[in-house]
Amino acid sequence: MATSILNRKAVKEHILKVCEQRRKGWECTRVSKQAIDEIEAFIRYKINASIHRHPSVGKTFMHFN
């Protein structure tokens, strides 16, 4: 796999924080490498799809739905 485009530590901390806030009664203390890899693959896919759909006008990349 190419170099990571994520701050993996920040993603892990965010997942654990959201689990603590939204899943009361469930003590999640670890995040698997596979989970972070899948999140990164999804983000890469979304970026590539956005670039593919982007109009060939201007010099600024903007996200379009």
Protein backbone atom coordinates (compact mmCIF):
# COMPACT_ATOMS: atom_id res chain seq x y z
CA MET A 1 0.00 0.00 0.00
CA ALA A 2 1.12 3.55 -0.65
CA THR A 3 2.12 5.94 2.08
CA SER A 4 -0.72 6.60 4.48
CA ILE A 5 -2.71 9.80 3.92
CA LEU A 6 -4.20 9.60 7.40
CA ASN A 7 -2.93 10.62 10.77
CA ARG A 8 -3.59 7.10 12.04
CA LYS A 9 -3.08 8.06 15.69
CA ALA A 10 -5.66 10.85 15.41
CA VAL A 11 -8.15 8.53 13.67
CA LYS A 12 -7.73 5.92 16.42
CA GLU A 13 -8.17 8.54 19.16
CA HIS A 14 -11.28 9.91 17.44
CA ILE A 15 -12.84 6.45 17.14
CA LEU A 16 -12.19 5.70 20.81
CA LYS A 17 -13.57 9.11 21.89
CA VAL A 18 -16.75 8.72 19.83
CA CYS A 19 -17.24 5.16 21.11
CA GLU A 20 -16.98 6.43 24.68
CA GLN A 21 -19.48 9.25 24.03
CA ARG A 22 -22.04 7.35 21.97
CA ARG A 23 -21.83 3.74 23.14
CA LYS A 24 -22.36 3.97 26.88
CA GLY A 25 -21.77 0.64 28.58
CA TRP A 26 -19.32 -0.60 25.96
CA GLU A 27 -15.68 -0.17 26.85
CA CYS A 28 -13.79 -0.01 23.55
CA THR A 29 -10.07 0.36 24.23
CA ARG A 30 -8.44 -0.69 20.94
CA VAL A 31 -8.84 -0.08 17.21
CA SER A 32 -7.62 -2.73 14.79
CA LYS A 33 -5.19 -1.99 11.98
CA GLN A 34 -7.76 -3.47 9.60
CA ALA A 35 -10.40 -0.95 10.70
CA ILE A 36 -8.07 2.00 10.06
CA ASP A 37 -6.92 0.48 6.75
CA GLU A 38 -10.56 0.17 5.62
CA ILE A 39 -11.29 3.78 6.61
CA GLU A 40 -8.24 4.92 4.65
CA ALA A 41 -9.30 2.87 1.59
CA PHE A 42 -12.76 4.48 1.74
CA ILE A 43 -11.26 7.97 1.94
CA ARG A 44 -8.95 7.25 -1.01
CA TYR A 45 -11.96 5.99 -2.99
CA LYS A 46 -13.98 9.14 -2.20
CA ILE A 47 -11.07 11.41 -3.19
CA ASN A 48 -10.55 9.55 -6.47
CA ALA A 49 -14.28 9.63 -7.26
CA SER A 50 -14.44 13.36 -6.52
CA ILE A 51 -11.47 14.03 -8.80
CA HIS A 52 -13.04 11.95 -11.57
CA ARG A 53 -16.31 13.92 -11.37
CA HIS A 54 -14.64 17.31 -11.00
CA PRO A 55 -15.15 19.72 -13.91
CA SER A 56 -12.06 20.67 -15.90
CA VAL A 57 -12.49 24.34 -15.12
CA GLY A 58 -10.39 26.55 -12.89
CA LYS A 59 -7.39 25.67 -10.78
CA THR A 60 -9.01 24.95 -7.42
CA PHE A 61 -10.26 21.52 -6.43
CA MET A 62 -13.69 21.76 -4.87
CA HIS A 63 -15.83 18.91 -3.66
CA PHE A 64 -19.00 18.38 -5.68
CA ASN A 65 -21.71 15.86 -4.83
